Amino acid sequence: MLWVLVQAVLFLGYGYVLVATPSDAWGLARWLGAPLVAVGVLLATPALIAHGRKLTPLPEPNPTLGLKRTGVYAVIRHPMYTGLLAMAFGLALLLQKPWGVALSVALTVFFNLKA
């Protein structure tokens, strides 16, 4: 349950940073954000569809699902985490939010520990 709480705090903090903090002018970095968001959506969406209603925020795999080895899971072990992280970094760059990038790094560490 601690995993779920930490994850919720990180996502809420990230959302706050995107909405309530000022943007910085980064120029080229902003243009890197949109492709990262697109890649994130392309990775996370099939993973979410594969899990359907059996999706769980807990680190223990759902025993009724078994280990996924087909589709996007044949290429990437954690496509949902990878997709969410790509979207997090992409949005932070696109919206020019330095604290968003920092929280994306924190999410990366969190998902690495959770996986």
PDB file of N, CA and C in Angstrom:
ATOM      1  N   MET A   1       0.819  -1.196   0.000  1.00  0.00           N
ATOM      2  CA  MET A   1       0.000   0.000   0.000  1.00  0.00           C
ATOM      3  C   MET A   1       0.865   1.264   0.000  1.00  0.00           C
ATOM      4  N   LEU A   2       2.069   1.175   0.567  1.00  0.00           N
ATOM      5  CA  LEU A   2       2.986   2.312   0.573  1.00  0.00           C
ATOM      6  C   LEU A   2       3.344   2.721  -0.855  1.00  0.00           C
ATOM      7  N   TRP A   3       3.496   1.719  -1.745  1.00  0.00           N
ATOM      8  CA  TRP A   3       3.805   2.009  -3.151  1.00  0.00           C
ATOM      9  C   TRP A   3       2.719   2.893  -3.764  1.00  0.00           C
ATOM     10  N   VAL A   4       1.480   2.570  -3.487  1.00  0.00           N
ATOM     11  CA  VAL A   4       0.355   3.313  -4.058  1.00  0.00           C
ATOM     12  C   VAL A   4       0.342   4.738  -3.519  1.00  0.00           C
ATOM     13  N   LEU A   5       0.609   4.906  -2.233  1.00  0.00           N
ATOM     14  CA  LEU A   5       0.632   6.229  -1.621  1.00  0.00           C
ATOM     15  C   LEU A   5       1.747   7.093  -2.217  1.00  0.00           C
ATOM     16  N   VAL A   6       2.952   6.535  -2.303  1.00  0.00           N
ATOM     17  CA  VAL A   6       4.081   7.284  -2.870  1.00  0.00           C
ATOM     18  C   VAL A   6       3.790   7.646  -4.325  1.00  0.00           C
ATOM     19  N   GLN A   7       3.248   6.698  -5.069  1.00  0.00           N
ATOM     20  CA  GLN A   7       2.917   6.946  -6.468  1.00  0.00           C
ATOM     21  C   GLN A   7       1.894   8.075  -6.583  1.00  0.00           C
ATOM     22  N   ALA A   8       0.879   8.068  -5.735  1.00  0.00           N
ATOM     23  CA  ALA A   8      -0.143   9.117  -5.760  1.00  0.00           C
ATOM     24  C   ALA A   8       0.462  10.481  -5.442  1.00  0.00           C
ATOM     25  N   VAL A   9       1.328  10.543  -4.446  1.00  0.00           N
ATOM     26  CA  VAL A   9       1.969  11.808  -4.077  1.00  0.00           C
ATOM     27  C   VAL A   9       2.818  12.334  -5.234  1.00  0.00           C
ATOM     28  N   LEU A  10       3.591  11.453  -5.870  1.00  0.00           N
ATOM     29  CA  LEU A  10       4.424  11.879  -6.999  1.00  0.00           C
ATOM     30  C   LEU A  10       3.574  12.385  -8.163  1.00  0.00           C
ATOM     31  N   PHE A  11       2.504  11.675  -8.490  1.00  0.00           N
ATOM     32  CA  PHE A  11       1.648  12.108  -9.592  1.00  0.00           C
ATOM     33  C   PHE A  11       0.929  13.419  -9.265  1.00  0.00           C
ATOM     34  N   LEU A  12       0.465  13.573  -8.027  1.00  0.00           N
ATOM     35  CA  LEU A  12      -0.192  14.824  -7.637  1.00  0.00           C
ATOM     36  C   LEU A  12       0.791  15.990  -7.679  1.00  0.00           C
ATOM     37  N   GLY A  13       1.999  15.762  -7.178  1.00  0.00           N
ATOM     38  CA  GLY A  13       3.033  16.798  -7.237  1.00  0.00           C
ATOM     39  C   GLY A  13       3.366  17.179  -8.666  1.00  0.00           C
ATOM     40  N   TYR A  14       3.466  16.177  -9.516  1.00  0.00           N
ATOM     41  CA  TYR A  14       3.758  16.421 -10.929  1.00  0.00           C
ATOM     42  C   TYR A  14       2.639  17.245 -11.570  1.00  0.00           C
ATOM     43  N   GLY A  15       1.400  16.865 -11.310  1.00  0.00           N
ATOM     44  CA  GLY A  15       0.264  17.613 -11.854  1.00  0.00           C
ATOM     45  C   GLY A  15       0.247  19.053 -11.373  1.00  0.00           C
ATOM     46  N   TYR A  16       0.539  19.249 -10.099  1.00  0.00           N
ATOM     47  CA  TYR A  16       0.594  20.603  -9.545  1.00  0.00           C
ATOM     48  C   TYR A  16       1.665  21.432 -10.244  1.00  0.00           C
ATOM     49  N   VAL A  17       2.838  20.842 -10.408  1.00  0.00           N
ATOM     50  CA  VAL A  17       3.949  21.549 -11.049  1.00  0.00           C
ATOM     51  C   VAL A  17       3.579  21.960 -12.474  1.00  0.00           C
ATOM     52  N   LEU A  18       2.909  21.085 -13.205  1.00  0.00           N
ATOM     53  CA  LEU A  18       2.545  21.418 -14.585  1.00  0.00           C
ATOM     54  C   LEU A  18       1.541  22.560 -14.653  1.00  0.00           C
ATOM     55  N   VAL A  19       0.638  22.613 -13.683  1.00  0.00           N
ATOM     56  CA  VAL A  19      -0.439  23.598 -13.734  1.00  0.00           C
ATOM     57  C   VAL A  19      -0.072  24.904 -13.033  1.00  0.00           C
ATOM     58  N   ALA A  20       0.595  24.826 -11.895  1.00  0.00           N
ATOM     59  CA  ALA A  20       0.711  25.992 -11.024  1.00  0.00           C
ATOM     60  C   ALA A  20       2.073  26.680 -11.008  1.00  0.00           C
ATOM     61  N   THR A  21       3.038  26.196 -11.755  1.00  0.00           N
ATOM     62  CA  THR A  21       4.350  26.841 -11.718  1.00  0.00           C
ATOM     63  C   THR A  21       4.620  27.543 -13.043  1.00  0.00           C
ATOM     64  N   PRO A  22       5.454  28.600 -13.006  1.00  0.00           N
ATOM     65  CA  PRO A  22       5.746  29.325 -14.248  1.00  0.00           C
ATOM     66  C   PRO A  22       6.616  28.497 -15.196  1.00  0.00           C
ATOM     67  N   SER A  23       6.497  28.812 -16.470  1.00  0.00           N
ATOM     68  CA  SER A  23       7.305  28.137 -17.488  1.00  0.00           C
ATOM     69  C   SER A  23       8.597  28.902 -17.720  1.00  0.00           C
ATOM     70  N   ASP A  24       9.621  28.198 -18.153  1.00  0.00           N
ATOM     71  CA  ASP A  24      10.872  28.814 -18.573  1.00  0.00           C
ATOM     72  C   ASP A  24      10.962  28.695 -20.087  1.00  0.00           C
ATOM     73  N   ALA A  25      11.651  29.611 -20.713  1.00  0.00           N
ATOM     74  CA  ALA A  25      11.834  29.549 -22.165  1.00  0.00           C
ATOM     75  C   ALA A  25      13.051  28.681 -22.466  1.00  0.00           C
ATOM     76  N   TRP A  26      12.821  27.493 -23.030  1.00  0.00           N
ATOM     77  CA  TRP A  26      13.910  26.555 -23.294  1.00  0.00           C
ATOM     78  C   TRP A  26      14.232  26.386 -24.767  1.00  0.00           C
ATOM     79  N   GLY A  27      13.442  26.947 -25.638  1.00  0.00           N
ATOM     80  CA  GLY A  27      13.707  26.823 -27.062  1.00  0.00           C
ATOM     81  C   GLY A  27      13.558  25.404 -27.581  1.00  0.00           C
ATOM     82  N   LEU A  28      14.672  24.821 -28.015  1.00  0.00           N
ATOM     83  CA  LEU A  28      14.663  23.516 -28.671  1.00  0.00           C
ATOM     84  C   LEU A  28      14.121  22.401 -27.777  1.00  0.00           C
ATOM     85  N   ALA A  29      14.406  22.443 -26.494  1.00  0.00           N
ATOM     86  CA  ALA A  29      13.939  21.383 -25.588  1.00  0.00           C
ATOM     87  C   ALA A  29      12.425  21.242 -25.641  1.00  0.00           C
ATOM     88  N   ARG A  30      11.748  22.346 -25.880  1.00  0.00           N
ATOM     89  CA  ARG A  30      10.285  22.307 -25.958  1.00  0.00           C
ATOM     90  C   ARG A  30       9.818  21.412 -27.101  1.00  0.00           C
ATOM     91  N   TRP A  31      10.550  21.422 -28.201  1.00  0.00           N
ATOM     92  CA  TRP A  31      10.163  20.633 -29.369  1.00  0.00           C
ATOM     93  C   TRP A  31      10.458  19.154 -29.199  1.00  0.00           C
ATOM     94  N   LEU A  32      11.260  18.799 -28.239  1.00  0.00           N
ATOM     95  CA  LEU A  32      11.511  17.387 -27.953  1.00  0.00           C
ATOM     96  C   LEU A  32      10.360  16.774 -27.160  1.00  0.00           C
ATOM     97  N   GLY A  33       9.576  17.606 -26.523  1.00  0.00           N
ATOM     98  CA  GLY A  33       8.495  17.120 -25.671  1.00  0.00           C
ATOM     99  C   GLY A  33       7.387  16.405 -26.410  1.00  0.00           C
ATOM    100  N   ALA A  34       6.935  16.964 -27.527  1.00  0.00           N
ATOM    101  CA  ALA A  34       5.807  16.373 -28.262  1.00  0.00           C
ATOM    102  C   ALA A  34       6.107  14.954 -28.746  1.00  0.00           C
ATOM    103  N   PRO A  35       7.278  14.692 -29.352  1.00  0.00           N
ATOM    104  CA  PRO A  35       7.564  13.306 -29.747  1.00  0.00           C
ATOM    105  C   PRO A  35       7.638  12.351 -28.554  1.00  0.00           C
ATOM    106  N   LEU A  36       8.161  12.827 -27.424  1.00  0.00           N
ATOM    107  CA  LEU A  36       8.219  11.970 -26.233  1.00  0.00           C
ATOM    108  C   LEU A  36       6.814  11.621 -25.747  1.00  0.00           C
ATOM    109  N   VAL A  37       5.924  12.587 -25.760  1.00  0.00           N
ATOM    110  CA  VAL A  37       4.537  12.315 -25.359  1.00  0.00           C
ATOM    111  C   VAL A  37       3.919  11.292 -26.307  1.00  0.00           C
ATOM    112  N   ALA A  38       4.150  11.459 -27.606  1.00  0.00           N
ATOM    113  CA  ALA A  38       3.592  10.528 -28.593  1.00  0.00           C
ATOM    114  C   ALA A  38       4.125   9.116 -28.389  1.00  0.00           C
ATOM    115  N   VAL A  39       5.425   8.981 -28.166  1.00  0.00           N
ATOM    116  CA  VAL A  39       6.022   7.662 -27.911  1.00  0.00           C
ATOM    117  C   VAL A  39       5.429   7.064 -26.641  1.00  0.00           C
ATOM    118  N   GLY A  40       5.277   7.892 -25.618  1.00  0.00           N
ATOM    119  CA  GLY A  40       4.695   7.417 -24.365  1.00  0.00           C
ATOM    120  C   GLY A  40       3.292   6.873 -24.545  1.00  0.00           C
ATOM    121  N   VAL A  41       2.484   7.583 -25.305  1.00  0.00           N
ATOM    122  CA  VAL A  41       1.114   7.127 -25.566  1.00  0.00           C
ATOM    123  C   VAL A  41       1.137   5.814 -26.344  1.00  0.00           C
ATOM    124  N   LEU A  42       2.022   5.721 -27.338  1.00  0.00           N
ATOM    125  CA  LEU A  42       2.110   4.504 -28.156  1.00  0.00           C
ATOM    126  C   LEU A  42       2.580   3.292 -27.352  1.00  0.00           C
ATOM    127  N   LEU A  43       3.359   3.512 -26.312  1.00  0.00           N
ATOM    128  CA  LEU A  43       3.821   2.407 -25.465  1.00  0.00           C
ATOM    129  C   LEU A  43       2.805   2.045 -24.383  1.00  0.00           C
ATOM    130  N   ALA A  44       2.260   3.050 -23.727  1.00  0.00           N
ATOM    131  CA  ALA A  44       1.392   2.793 -22.574  1.00  0.00           C
ATOM    132  C   ALA A  44       0.000   2.308 -22.969  1.00  0.00           C
ATOM    133  N   THR A  45      -0.532   2.791 -24.068  1.00  0.00           N
ATOM    134  CA  THR A  45      -1.900   2.439 -24.454  1.00  0.00           C
ATOM    135  C   THR A  45      -2.088   0.940 -24.683  1.00  0.00           C
ATOM    136  N   PRO A  46      -1.242   0.274 -25.495  1.00  0.00           N
ATOM    137  CA  PRO A  46      -1.438  -1.171 -25.667  1.00  0.00           C
ATOM    138  C   PRO A  46      -1.261  -1.946 -24.360  1.00  0.00           C
ATOM    139  N   ALA A  47      -0.377  -1.454 -23.489  1.00  0.00           N
ATOM    140  CA  ALA A  47      -0.176  -2.117 -22.197  1.00  0.00           C
ATOM    141  C   ALA A  47      -1.431  -1.999 -21.341  1.00  0.00           C
ATOM    142  N   LEU A  48      -2.032  -0.821 -21.323  1.00  0.00           N
ATOM    143  CA  LEU A  48      -3.276  -0.636 -20.565  1.00  0.00           C
ATOM    144  C   LEU A  48      -4.393  -1.504 -21.128  1.00  0.00           C
ATOM    145  N   ILE A  49      -4.485  -1.576 -22.439  1.00  0.00           N
ATOM    146  CA  ILE A  49      -5.515  -2.403 -23.077  1.00  0.00           C
ATOM    147  C   ILE A  49      -5.292  -3.876 -22.745  1.00  0.00           C
ATOM    148  N   ALA A  50      -4.033  -4.312 -22.743  1.00  0.00           N
ATOM    149  CA  ALA A  50      -3.718  -5.716 -22.442  1.00  0.00           C
ATOM    150  C   ALA A  50      -4.155  -6.097 -21.031  1.00  0.00           C
ATOM    151  N   HIS A  51      -4.046  -5.160 -20.098  1.00  0.00           N
ATOM    152  CA  HIS A  51      -4.430  -5.447 -18.713  1.00  0.00           C
ATOM    153  C   HIS A  51      -5.923  -5.289 -18.481  1.00  0.00           C
ATOM    154  N   GLY A  52      -6.537  -4.362 -19.180  1.00  0.00           N
ATOM    155  CA  GLY A  52      -7.972  -4.139 -19.028  1.00  0.00           C
ATOM    156  C   GLY A  52      -8.359  -3.840 -17.594  1.00  0.00           C
ATOM    157  N   ARG A  53      -9.407  -4.476 -17.130  1.00  0.00           N
ATOM    158  CA  ARG A  53      -9.911  -4.238 -15.770  1.00  0.00           C
ATOM    159  C   ARG A  53      -9.079  -4.931 -14.704  1.00  0.00           C
ATOM    160  N   LYS A  54      -8.135  -5.745 -15.106  1.00  0.00           N
ATOM    161  CA  LYS A  54      -7.307  -6.464 -14.134  1.00  0.00           C
ATOM    162  C   LYS A  54      -6.067  -5.667 -13.730  1.00  0.00           C
ATOM    163  N   LEU A  55      -5.963  -4.427 -14.193  1.00  0.00           N
ATOM    164  CA  LEU A  55      -4.835  -3.566 -13.872  1.00  0.00           C
ATOM    165  C   LEU A  55      -4.809  -3.272 -12.374  1.00  0.00           C
ATOM    166  N   THR A  56      -3.626  -3.291 -11.787  1.00  0.00           N
ATOM    167  CA  THR A  56      -3.469  -2.997 -10.363  1.00  0.00           C
ATOM    168  C   THR A  56      -2.297  -2.042 -10.161  1.00  0.00           C
ATOM    169  N   PRO A  57      -2.388  -1.110  -9.196  1.00  0.00           N
ATOM    170  CA  PRO A  57      -1.269  -0.215  -8.929  1.00  0.00           C
ATOM    171  C   PRO A  57      -0.205  -0.858  -8.035  1.00  0.00           C
ATOM    172  N   LEU A  58      -0.474  -2.045  -7.550  1.00  0.00           N
ATOM    173  CA  LEU A  58       0.464  -2.714  -6.648  1.00  0.00           C
ATOM    174  C   LEU A  58       1.602  -3.359  -7.435  1.00  0.00           C
ATOM    175  N   PRO A  59       2.799  -3.467  -6.838  1.00  0.00           N
ATOM    176  CA  PRO A  59       3.933  -4.033  -7.571  1.00  0.00           C
ATOM    177  C   PRO A  59       3.832  -5.539  -7.812  1.00  0.00           C
ATOM    178  N   GLU A  60       3.021  -6.238  -7.025  1.00  0.00           N
ATOM    179  CA  GLU A  60       2.872  -7.678  -7.230  1.00  0.00           C
ATOM    180  C   GLU A  60       2.013  -7.912  -8.465  1.00  0.00           C
ATOM    181  N   PRO A  61       2.435  -8.816  -9.345  1.00  0.00           N
ATOM    182  CA  PRO A  61       1.629  -9.065 -10.540  1.00  0.00           C
ATOM    183  C   PRO A  61       0.282  -9.685 -10.186  1.00  0.00           C
ATOM    184  N   ASN A  62      -0.693  -9.391 -10.992  1.00  0.00           N
ATOM    185  CA  ASN A  62      -2.026  -9.949 -10.819  1.00  0.00           C
ATOM    186  C   ASN A  62      -1.976 -11.424 -11.217  1.00  0.00           C
ATOM    187  N   PRO A  63      -2.266 -12.351 -10.292  1.00  0.00           N
ATOM    188  CA  PRO A  63      -2.140 -13.777 -10.603  1.00  0.00           C
ATOM    189  C   PRO A  63      -3.087 -14.253 -11.706  1.00  0.00           C
ATOM    190  N   THR A  64      -4.198 -13.559 -11.897  1.00  0.00           N
ATOM    191  CA  THR A  64      -5.126 -13.979 -12.952  1.00  0.00           C
ATOM    192  C   THR A  64      -4.642 -13.579 -14.343  1.00  0.00           C
ATOM    193  N   LEU A  65      -3.712 -12.642 -14.403  1.00  0.00           N
ATOM    194  CA  LEU A  65      -3.194 -12.198 -15.697  1.00  0.00           C
ATOM    195  C   LEU A  65      -2.036 -13.055 -16.193  1.00  0.00           C
ATOM    196  N   GLY A  66      -1.202 -13.504 -15.282  1.00  0.00           N
ATOM    197  CA  GLY A  66       0.007 -14.207 -15.694  1.00  0.00           C
ATOM    198  C   GLY A  66       1.018 -13.225 -16.260  1.00  0.00           C
ATOM    199  N   LEU A  67       2.146 -13.732 -16.689  1.00  0.00           N
ATOM    200  CA  LEU A  67       3.209 -12.895 -17.235  1.00  0.00           C
ATOM    201  C   LEU A  67       2.940 -12.638 -18.715  1.00  0.00           C
ATOM    202  N   LYS A  68       2.846 -11.380 -19.082  1.00  0.00           N
ATOM    203  CA  LYS A  68       2.610 -11.009 -20.478  1.00  0.00           C
ATOM    204  C   LYS A  68       3.912 -11.145 -21.262  1.00  0.00           C
ATOM    205  N   ARG A  69       3.843 -11.810 -22.415  1.00  0.00           N
ATOM    206  CA  ARG A  69       5.030 -11.988 -23.257  1.00  0.00           C
ATOM    207  C   ARG A  69       4.751 -11.689 -24.721  1.00  0.00           C
ATOM    208  N   THR A  70       3.583 -11.160 -25.007  1.00  0.00           N
ATOM    209  CA  THR A  70       3.221 -10.871 -26.391  1.00  0.00           C
ATOM    210  C   THR A  70       2.976  -9.377 -26.562  1.00  0.00           C
ATOM    211  N   GLY A  71       2.820  -8.957 -27.807  1.00  0.00           N
ATOM    212  CA  GLY A  71       2.560  -7.552 -28.089  1.00  0.00           C
ATOM    213  C   GLY A  71       3.728  -6.684 -27.664  1.00  0.00           C
ATOM    214  N   VAL A  72       3.404  -5.544 -27.079  1.00  0.00           N
ATOM    215  CA  VAL A  72       4.441  -4.608 -26.657  1.00  0.00           C
ATOM    216  C   VAL A  72       5.305  -5.209 -25.539  1.00  0.00           C
ATOM    217  N   TYR A  73       4.751  -6.163 -24.785  1.00  0.00           N
ATOM    218  CA  TYR A  73       5.507  -6.820 -23.715  1.00  0.00           C
ATOM    219  C   TYR A  73       6.596  -7.740 -24.255  1.00  0.00           C
ATOM    220  N   ALA A  74       6.519  -8.130 -25.523  1.00  0.00           N
ATOM    221  CA  ALA A  74       7.574  -8.942 -26.128  1.00  0.00           C
ATOM    222  C   ALA A  74       8.822  -8.104 -26.393  1.00  0.00           C
ATOM    223  N   VAL A  75       8.654  -6.788 -26.455  1.00  0.00           N
ATOM    224  CA  VAL A  75       9.756  -5.886 -26.772  1.00  0.00           C
ATOM    225  C   VAL A  75      10.270  -5.158 -25.535  1.00  0.00           C
ATOM    226  N   ILE A  76       9.354  -4.726 -24.668  1.00  0.00           N
ATOM    227  CA  ILE A  76       9.703  -3.942 -23.478  1.00  0.00           C
ATOM    228  C   ILE A  76       9.070  -4.607 -22.263  1.00  0.00           C
ATOM    229  N   ARG A  77       9.866  -4.824 -21.230  1.00  0.00           N
ATOM    230  CA  ARG A  77       9.364  -5.512 -20.041  1.00  0.00           C
ATOM    231  C   ARG A  77       8.300  -4.703 -19.294  1.00  0.00           C
ATOM    232  N   HIS A  78       8.477  -3.398 -19.219  1.00  0.00           N
ATOM    233  CA  HIS A  78       7.530  -2.536 -18.503  1.00  0.00           C
ATOM    234  C   HIS A  78       7.063  -1.400 -19.417  1.00  0.00           C
ATOM    235  N   PRO A  79       6.263  -1.712 -20.434  1.00  0.00           N
ATOM    236  CA  PRO A  79       5.856  -0.656 -21.369  1.00  0.00           C
ATOM    237  C   PRO A  79       4.972   0.415 -20.737  1.00  0.00           C
ATOM    238  N   MET A  80       4.209   0.052 -19.712  1.00  0.00           N
ATOM    239  CA  MET A  80       3.361   1.045 -19.074  1.00  0.00           C
ATOM    240  C   MET A  80       4.222   2.072 -18.329  1.00  0.00           C
ATOM    241  N   TYR A  81       5.192   1.597 -17.563  1.00  0.00           N
ATOM    242  CA  TYR A  81       6.100   2.512 -16.861  1.00  0.00           C
ATOM    243  C   TYR A  81       6.893   3.342 -17.862  1.00  0.00           C
ATOM    244  N   THR A  82       7.421   2.688 -18.890  1.00  0.00           N
ATOM    245  CA  THR A  82       8.215   3.388 -19.898  1.00  0.00           C
ATOM    246  C   THR A  82       7.372   4.455 -20.590  1.00  0.00           C
ATOM    247  N   GLY A  83       6.141   4.103 -20.937  1.00  0.00           N
ATOM    248  CA  GLY A  83       5.251   5.063 -21.579  1.00  0.00           C
ATOM    249  C   GLY A  83       4.896   6.232 -20.675  1.00  0.00           C
ATOM    250  N   LEU A  84       4.590   5.940 -19.423  1.00  0.00           N
ATOM    251  CA  LEU A  84       4.263   7.015 -18.475  1.00  0.00           C
ATOM    252  C   LEU A  84       5.449   7.947 -18.267  1.00  0.00           C
ATOM    253  N   LEU A  85       6.647   7.377 -18.184  1.00  0.00           N
ATOM    254  CA  LEU A  85       7.838   8.210 -18.004  1.00  0.00           C
ATOM    255  C   LEU A  85       8.117   9.054 -19.242  1.00  0.00           C
ATOM    256  N   ALA A  86       7.957   8.476 -20.424  1.00  0.00           N
ATOM    257  CA  ALA A  86       8.144   9.257 -21.652  1.00  0.00           C
ATOM    258  C   ALA A  86       7.148  10.411 -21.701  1.00  0.00           C
ATOM    259  N   MET A  87       5.890  10.135 -21.320  1.00  0.00           N
ATOM    260  CA  MET A  87       4.884  11.201 -21.293  1.00  0.00           C
ATOM    261  C   MET A  87       5.223  12.259 -20.241  1.00  0.00           C
ATOM    262  N   ALA A  88       5.695  11.827 -19.075  1.00  0.00           N
ATOM    263  CA  ALA A  88       6.030  12.777 -18.008  1.00  0.00           C
ATOM    264  C   ALA A  88       7.164  13.703 -18.440  1.00  0.00           C
ATOM    265  N   PHE A  89       8.244  13.121 -18.967  1.00  0.00           N
ATOM    266  CA  PHE A  89       9.353  13.951 -19.442  1.00  0.00           C
ATOM    267  C   PHE A  89       8.896  14.826 -20.614  1.00  0.00           C
ATOM    268  N   GLY A  90       8.124  14.241 -21.525  1.00  0.00           N
ATOM    269  CA  GLY A  90       7.661  14.987 -22.690  1.00  0.00           C
ATOM    270  C   GLY A  90       6.799  16.181 -22.328  1.00  0.00           C
ATOM    271  N   LEU A  91       5.845  15.983 -21.425  1.00  0.00           N
ATOM    272  CA  LEU A  91       4.992  17.102 -21.003  1.00  0.00           C
ATOM    273  C   LEU A  91       5.797  18.178 -20.285  1.00  0.00           C
ATOM    274  N   ALA A  92       6.729  17.759 -19.451  1.00  0.00           N
ATOM    275  CA  ALA A  92       7.560  18.730 -18.733  1.00  0.00           C
ATOM    276  C   ALA A  92       8.378  19.568 -19.716  1.00  0.00           C
ATOM    277  N   LEU A  93       8.911  18.927 -20.752  1.00  0.00           N
ATOM    278  CA  LEU A  93       9.671  19.670 -21.764  1.00  0.00           C
ATOM    279  C   LEU A  93       8.756  20.544 -22.615  1.00  0.00           C
ATOM    280  N   LEU A  94       7.645  19.976 -23.044  1.00  0.00           N
ATOM    281  CA  LEU A  94       6.704  20.701 -23.899  1.00  0.00           C
ATOM    282  C   LEU A  94       6.169  21.949 -23.205  1.00  0.00           C
ATOM    283  N   LEU A  95       5.853  21.821 -21.922  1.00  0.00           N
ATOM    284  CA  LEU A  95       5.313  22.946 -21.153  1.00  0.00           C
ATOM    285  C   LEU A  95       6.403  23.763 -20.469  1.00  0.00           C
ATOM    286  N   GLN A  96       7.663  23.366 -20.682  1.00  0.00           N
ATOM    287  CA  GLN A  96       8.827  24.088 -20.157  1.00  0.00           C
ATOM    288  C   GLN A  96       8.784  24.235 -18.634  1.00  0.00           C
ATOM    289  N   LYS A  97       8.690  23.101 -17.961  1.00  0.00           N
ATOM    290  CA  LYS A  97       8.596  23.084 -16.501  1.00  0.00           C
ATOM    291  C   LYS A  97       9.814  22.368 -15.906  1.00  0.00           C
ATOM    292  N   PRO A  98      10.803  23.111 -15.393  1.00  0.00           N
ATOM    293  CA  PRO A  98      11.986  22.470 -14.807  1.00  0.00           C
ATOM    294  C   PRO A  98      11.641  21.536 -13.648  1.00  0.00           C
ATOM    295  N   TRP A  99      10.682  21.939 -12.815  1.00  0.00           N
ATOM    296  CA  TRP A  99      10.295  21.065 -11.702  1.00  0.00           C
ATOM    297  C   TRP A  99       9.575  19.823 -12.204  1.00  0.00           C
ATOM    298  N   GLY A 100       8.931  19.923 -13.351  1.00  0.00           N
ATOM    299  CA  GLY A 100       8.320  18.754 -13.975  1.00  0.00           C
ATOM    300  C   GLY A 100       9.370  17.747 -14.397  1.00  0.00           C
ATOM    301  N   VAL A 101      10.491  18.250 -14.918  1.00  0.00           N
ATOM    302  CA  VAL A 101      11.607  17.359 -15.274  1.00  0.00           C
ATOM    303  C   VAL A 101      12.156  16.704 -14.011  1.00  0.00           C
ATOM    304  N   ALA A 102      12.311  17.491 -12.947  1.00  0.00           N
ATOM    305  CA  ALA A 102      12.830  16.944 -11.685  1.00  0.00           C
ATOM    306  C   ALA A 102      11.900  15.863 -11.136  1.00  0.00           C
ATOM    307  N   LEU A 103      10.600  16.098 -11.183  1.00  0.00           N
ATOM    308  CA  LEU A 103       9.659  15.083 -10.699  1.00  0.00           C
ATOM    309  C   LEU A 103       9.607  13.877 -11.634  1.00  0.00           C
ATOM    310  N   SER A 104       9.883  14.076 -12.906  1.00  0.00           N
ATOM    311  CA  SER A 104       9.977  12.946 -13.836  1.00  0.00           C
ATOM    312  C   SER A 104      11.160  12.055 -13.471  1.00  0.00           C
ATOM    313  N   VAL A 105      12.251  12.667 -13.052  1.00  0.00           N
ATOM    314  CA  VAL A 105      13.408  11.895 -12.573  1.00  0.00           C
ATOM    315  C   VAL A 105      13.013  11.118 -11.322  1.00  0.00           C
ATOM    316  N   ALA A 106      12.283  11.765 -10.405  1.00  0.00           N
ATOM    317  CA  ALA A 106      11.825  11.079  -9.190  1.00  0.00           C
ATOM    318  C   ALA A 106      10.907   9.908  -9.542  1.00  0.00           C
ATOM    319  N   LEU A 107      10.025  10.097 -10.523  1.00  0.00           N
ATOM    320  CA  LEU A 107       9.160   8.998 -10.969  1.00  0.00           C
ATOM    321  C   LEU A 107       9.984   7.856 -11.562  1.00  0.00           C
ATOM    322  N   THR A 108      11.046   8.193 -12.282  1.00  0.00           N
ATOM    323  CA  THR A 108      11.922   7.166 -12.856  1.00  0.00           C
ATOM    324  C   THR A 108      12.541   6.315 -11.755  1.00  0.00           C
ATOM    325  N   VAL A 109      13.052   6.965 -10.724  1.00  0.00           N
ATOM    326  CA  VAL A 109      13.638   6.236  -9.592  1.00  0.00           C
ATOM    327  C   VAL A 109      12.565   5.383  -8.916  1.00  0.00           C
ATOM    328  N   PHE A 110      11.392   5.963  -8.696  1.00  0.00           N
ATOM    329  CA  PHE A 110      10.299   5.240  -8.048  1.00  0.00           C
ATOM    330  C   PHE A 110       9.912   3.994  -8.835  1.00  0.00           C
ATOM    331  N   PHE A 111       9.667   4.138 -10.143  1.00  0.00           N
ATOM    332  CA  PHE A 111       9.257   2.989 -10.956  1.00  0.00           C
ATOM    333  C   PHE A 111      10.359   1.939 -11.034  1.00  0.00           C
ATOM    334  N   ASN A 112      11.617   2.370 -11.020  1.00  0.00           N
ATOM    335  CA  ASN A 112      12.724   1.413 -11.009  1.00  0.00           C
ATOM    336  C   ASN A 112      12.714   0.592  -9.723  1.00  0.00           C
ATOM    337  N   LEU A 113      12.455   1.231  -8.606  1.00  0.00           N
ATOM    338  CA  LEU A 113      12.376   0.511  -7.327  1.00  0.00           C
ATOM    339  C   LEU A 113      11.131  -0.371  -7.270  1.00  0.00           C
ATOM    340  N   LYS A 114      10.036   0.119  -7.802  1.00  0.00           N
ATOM    341  CA  LYS A 114       8.771  -0.613  -7.767  1.00  0.00           C
ATOM    342  C   LYS A 114       8.802  -1.844  -8.667  1.00  0.00           C
ATOM    343  N   ALA A 115       9.500  -1.741  -9.783  1.00  0.00           N
ATOM    344  CA  ALA A 115       9.550  -2.856 -10.745  1.00  0.00           C
ATOM    345  C   ALA A 115      10.355  -3.990 -10.169  1.00  0.00           C
TER     346      ALA A 115
END
